[in-house]
Amino acid sequence: GPTAAVAYVVSRTMERSRDAEWPRLIQSALVPVSIGLMAGSATILGLSAGRSWVAVLLVVASAVVTLATRFHPVLMLVVGGCLGFAGVI
């Protein structure tokens, strides 16, 4: 959520002033911030997730799918949520 909000605000601001140099500087500065926010979110989700072998298998499988395909991450979250709701995890 926070990463998407920051990216949205910055992209809207940068569209208005494409000729200036400051948008490029801000964009290069926000890359590590965005990565840090995503890593923090992943850590929180990982610590709150179940510790069963099925949960570990699901995490590994989703990492492989993410790296090997162009499957949309939101759809992977939906599938994971459905598996959790169904009691598989």
Protein backbone atom coordinates (compact mmCIF):
# COMPACT_ATOMS: atom_id res chain seq x y z
CA GLY A 1 0.00 0.00 0.00
CA PRO A 2 2.50 2.69 1.02
CA THR A 3 4.85 1.86 -1.84
CA ALA A 4 2.06 2.09 -4.39
CA ALA A 5 0.86 5.40 -2.95
CA VAL A 6 4.36 6.91 -3.09
CA ALA A 7 4.88 5.65 -6.63
CA TYR A 8 1.53 7.08 -7.75
CA VAL A 9 2.19 10.54 -6.28
CA VAL A 10 5.70 10.67 -7.70
CA SER A 11 4.64 9.53 -11.16
CA ARG A 12 1.86 12.13 -11.30
CA THR A 13 4.29 14.86 -10.22
CA MET A 14 6.98 13.73 -12.66
CA GLU A 15 4.59 13.81 -15.61
CA ARG A 16 4.08 17.53 -15.10
CA SER A 17 7.78 18.40 -15.26
CA ARG A 18 9.47 16.05 -17.71
CA ASP A 19 12.02 18.64 -18.85
CA ALA A 20 13.56 19.22 -15.40
CA GLU A 21 16.36 17.06 -14.00
CA TRP A 22 14.90 16.64 -10.51
CA PRO A 23 12.37 13.94 -11.53
CA ARG A 24 15.22 11.64 -12.61
CA LEU A 25 17.02 12.23 -9.31
CA ILE A 26 13.89 11.54 -7.27
CA GLN A 27 13.14 8.40 -9.25
CA SER A 28 16.63 7.01 -8.69
CA ALA A 29 16.39 7.86 -4.98
CA LEU A 30 12.99 6.20 -4.55
CA VAL A 31 14.06 2.84 -5.98
CA PRO A 32 15.87 1.73 -2.77
CA VAL A 33 13.03 3.13 -0.65
CA SER A 34 10.47 1.10 -2.60
CA ILE A 35 12.56 -2.04 -2.36
CA GLY A 36 12.95 -1.54 1.39
CA LEU A 37 9.21 -1.05 1.88
CA MET A 38 8.46 -4.20 -0.11
CA ALA A 39 11.08 -6.19 1.83
CA GLY A 40 9.60 -4.98 5.11
CA SER A 41 6.12 -6.01 4.01
CA ALA A 42 7.41 -9.42 2.93
CA THR A 43 9.11 -9.89 6.29
CA ILE A 44 5.93 -9.08 8.21
CA LEU A 45 3.89 -11.44 6.03
CA GLY A 46 6.51 -14.17 6.35
CA LEU A 47 6.63 -13.94 10.15
CA SER A 48 2.86 -14.11 10.45
CA ALA A 49 2.45 -17.02 8.03
CA GLY A 50 2.00 -20.59 9.15
CA ARG A 51 5.08 -22.70 9.72
CA SER A 52 3.77 -25.96 8.26
CA TRP A 53 5.49 -27.80 5.41
CA VAL A 54 2.54 -26.93 3.15
CA ALA A 55 3.05 -23.20 3.80
CA VAL A 56 6.77 -23.50 3.08
CA LEU A 57 6.02 -25.41 -0.11
CA LEU A 58 3.55 -22.73 -1.18
CA VAL A 59 6.11 -19.97 -0.61
CA VAL A 60 8.77 -21.82 -2.60
CA ALA A 61 6.32 -22.59 -5.40
CA SER A 62 5.14 -18.98 -5.61
CA ALA A 63 8.76 -17.74 -5.69
CA VAL A 64 9.54 -20.13 -8.56
CA VAL A 65 6.41 -19.07 -10.46
CA THR A 66 7.26 -15.40 -9.93
CA LEU A 67 10.80 -15.82 -11.21
CA ALA A 68 10.00 -18.19 -14.08
CA THR A 69 6.79 -16.71 -15.51
CA ARG A 70 4.99 -13.44 -16.00
CA PHE A 71 2.03 -14.59 -13.86
CA HIS A 72 0.55 -11.53 -12.14
CA PRO A 73 1.49 -11.36 -8.42
CA VAL A 74 -2.00 -10.23 -7.41
CA LEU A 75 -3.45 -13.42 -8.87
CA MET A 76 -0.90 -15.40 -6.85
CA LEU A 77 -2.07 -13.59 -3.71
CA VAL A 78 -5.67 -14.46 -4.55
CA VAL A 79 -4.77 -18.14 -5.04
CA GLY A 80 -2.86 -18.16 -1.74
CA GLY A 81 -5.76 -16.52 0.03
CA CYS A 82 -8.20 -19.07 -1.39
CA LEU A 83 -5.93 -21.92 -0.28
CA GLY A 84 -5.72 -20.42 3.19
CA PHE A 85 -9.48 -19.89 3.35
CA ALA A 86 -10.06 -23.48 2.22
CA GLY A 87 -7.91 -24.71 5.08
CA VAL A 88 -5.15 -26.17 2.92
CA ILE A 89 -2.54 -24.01 4.63
